Amino acid sequence: MSSSAPDRPDPTRPDAPSARPDDTVDATAAPAGEREAVEEPQDVTLLVDPTRVRRAPRYPVFLWMGALVGVVGGLGFATWLVGVTGSGASLMKPGVYITVVVLATTALCMGVAGLIAVLADRRSLRRR
């Protein structure tokens, strides 16, 4: 079934608007008062000033790197200490000793890495 209203105006009718391109009105266009408020998209690189961008450190990356350095350094240090003490004979359980040393060095290195991240963050604020 077709509707009673036509989809397009009939150009043969005398009361129909003309089909010239300059007379057509875009239905999506804003009214005259609102046309000024519509902004065109701009290139972001033109809006961002590179001298004003803050380069903050990423804290999780610093902490993970500190943990990695702490584990590797702790394993090396603990195995060296176990070997120096006399082939581990004087220690009842050298595995527990190694675990404690690795955990301590990991915590220490994570703390140092966090401190370095905070100092880098403060330094980036001072340069502004």
Protein backbone atom coordinates (compact mmCIF):
# COMPACT_ATOMS: atom_id res chain seq x y z
CA MET A 1 0.00 0.00 0.00
CA SER A 2 1.16 3.47 -0.67
CA SER A 3 0.72 6.38 1.66
CA SER A 4 -1.42 9.35 0.76
CA ALA A 5 1.51 11.79 1.07
CA PRO A 6 4.09 11.68 -1.72
CA ASP A 7 7.73 11.07 -0.83
CA ARG A 8 8.92 13.95 -3.00
CA PRO A 9 7.11 17.07 -4.13
CA ASP A 10 5.81 16.91 -7.66
CA PRO A 11 7.78 19.45 -9.77
CA THR A 12 4.91 19.67 -12.26
CA ARG A 13 2.57 21.18 -9.69
CA PRO A 14 2.57 25.01 -9.64
CA ASP A 15 2.70 25.27 -5.82
CA ALA A 16 5.68 22.88 -5.58
CA PRO A 17 9.08 24.36 -4.73
CA SER A 18 11.54 24.59 -7.57
CA ALA A 19 14.14 21.88 -7.91
CA ARG A 20 17.07 24.26 -8.37
CA PRO A 21 20.12 23.40 -6.21
CA ASP A 22 20.41 26.88 -4.69
CA ASP A 23 16.84 26.72 -3.42
CA THR A 24 17.14 23.35 -1.70
CA VAL A 25 17.37 23.38 2.06
CA ASP A 26 19.36 20.76 3.90
CA ALA A 27 17.17 19.23 6.62
CA THR A 28 20.22 18.51 8.78
CA ALA A 29 21.53 22.07 8.66
CA ALA A 30 21.21 24.14 11.79
CA PRO A 31 18.97 27.20 11.85
CA ALA A 32 20.62 30.55 11.10
CA GLY A 33 21.23 31.39 14.76
CA GLU A 34 22.88 28.06 15.51
CA ARG A 35 25.15 27.84 12.47
CA GLU A 36 27.86 29.83 14.20
CA ALA A 37 27.98 27.39 17.14
CA VAL A 38 28.79 24.38 14.95
CA GLU A 39 32.55 23.86 14.94
CA GLU A 40 34.51 22.12 12.29
CA PRO A 41 36.84 19.34 13.45
CA GLN A 42 40.39 20.61 13.87
CA ASP A 43 43.71 18.88 13.72
CA VAL A 44 44.79 17.99 17.27
CA THR A 45 48.45 18.66 16.50
CA LEU A 46 47.56 22.30 15.91
CA LEU A 47 45.89 22.57 19.32
CA VAL A 48 48.53 20.84 21.48
CA ASP A 49 51.60 22.80 22.45
CA PRO A 50 54.51 20.34 22.90
CA THR A 51 56.17 22.64 25.41
CA ARG A 52 53.12 22.39 27.69
CA VAL A 53 52.65 18.61 27.62
CA ARG A 54 53.57 17.02 30.95
CA ARG A 55 55.74 13.93 30.67
CA ALA A 56 54.78 12.04 33.83
CA PRO A 57 56.45 8.71 34.62
CA ARG A 58 54.42 5.52 34.63
CA TYR A 59 54.61 4.24 38.18
CA PRO A 60 53.66 0.59 37.52
CA VAL A 61 56.48 0.28 34.97
CA PHE A 62 58.98 1.62 37.50
CA LEU A 63 57.73 -0.74 40.19
CA TRP A 64 57.76 -3.81 37.92
CA MET A 65 61.29 -3.03 36.79
CA GLY A 66 62.31 -2.62 40.43
CA ALA A 67 60.77 -5.99 41.26
CA LEU A 68 62.54 -7.65 38.33
CA VAL A 69 65.91 -6.18 39.29
CA GLY A 70 65.26 -7.14 42.93
CA VAL A 71 64.47 -10.78 42.11
CA VAL A 72 67.45 -11.23 39.78
CA GLY A 73 69.83 -9.37 42.08
CA GLY A 74 68.48 -11.16 45.15
CA LEU A 75 68.94 -14.59 43.58
CA GLY A 76 72.50 -13.78 42.63
CA PHE A 77 73.33 -12.26 46.01
CA ALA A 78 71.68 -15.06 48.01
CA THR A 79 73.37 -17.87 46.09
CA TRP A 80 76.69 -16.08 46.48
CA LEU A 81 76.13 -15.72 50.25
CA VAL A 82 75.17 -19.39 50.61
CA GLY A 83 78.34 -20.41 48.75
CA VAL A 84 80.55 -18.13 50.89
CA THR A 85 79.24 -19.49 54.20
CA GLY A 86 80.84 -22.89 53.62
CA SER A 87 78.90 -24.79 50.96
CA GLY A 88 75.63 -24.39 52.84
CA ALA A 89 76.60 -26.92 55.56
CA SER A 90 76.26 -24.36 58.32
CA LEU A 91 72.75 -23.43 57.17
CA MET A 92 69.96 -25.86 58.04
CA LYS A 93 67.72 -24.80 55.15
CA PRO A 94 69.48 -22.70 52.51
CA GLY A 95 66.28 -22.43 50.46
CA VAL A 96 64.58 -20.45 53.20
CA TYR A 97 67.63 -18.19 53.46
CA ILE A 98 67.59 -17.58 49.69
CA THR A 99 63.84 -16.85 49.74
CA VAL A 100 64.16 -14.29 52.53
CA VAL A 101 67.06 -12.54 50.81
CA VAL A 102 65.20 -12.46 47.46
CA LEU A 103 62.07 -11.03 49.09
CA ALA A 104 64.08 -8.41 50.97
CA THR A 105 66.02 -7.29 47.89
CA THR A 106 62.81 -7.21 45.83
CA ALA A 107 61.08 -4.98 48.37
CA LEU A 108 64.16 -2.75 48.63
CA CYS A 109 64.49 -2.40 44.85
CA MET A 110 60.78 -1.68 44.43
CA GLY A 111 61.06 1.05 47.05
CA VAL A 112 64.06 2.58 45.29
CA ALA A 113 62.28 2.39 41.91
CA GLY A 114 59.19 4.08 43.40
CA LEU A 115 61.40 6.81 44.85
CA ILE A 116 63.04 7.35 41.46
CA ALA A 117 59.58 7.60 39.84
CA VAL A 118 58.43 10.18 42.40
CA LEU A 119 61.61 12.23 41.90
CA ALA A 120 61.17 12.08 38.12
CA ASP A 121 57.57 13.22 38.52
CA ARG A 122 58.56 16.14 40.71
CA ARG A 123 61.28 17.09 38.25
CA SER A 124 58.75 17.16 35.40
CA LEU A 125 56.55 19.52 37.45
CA ARG A 126 59.43 21.90 38.19
CA ARG A 127 60.20 22.44 34.50
CA ARG A 128 56.73 23.83 33.79
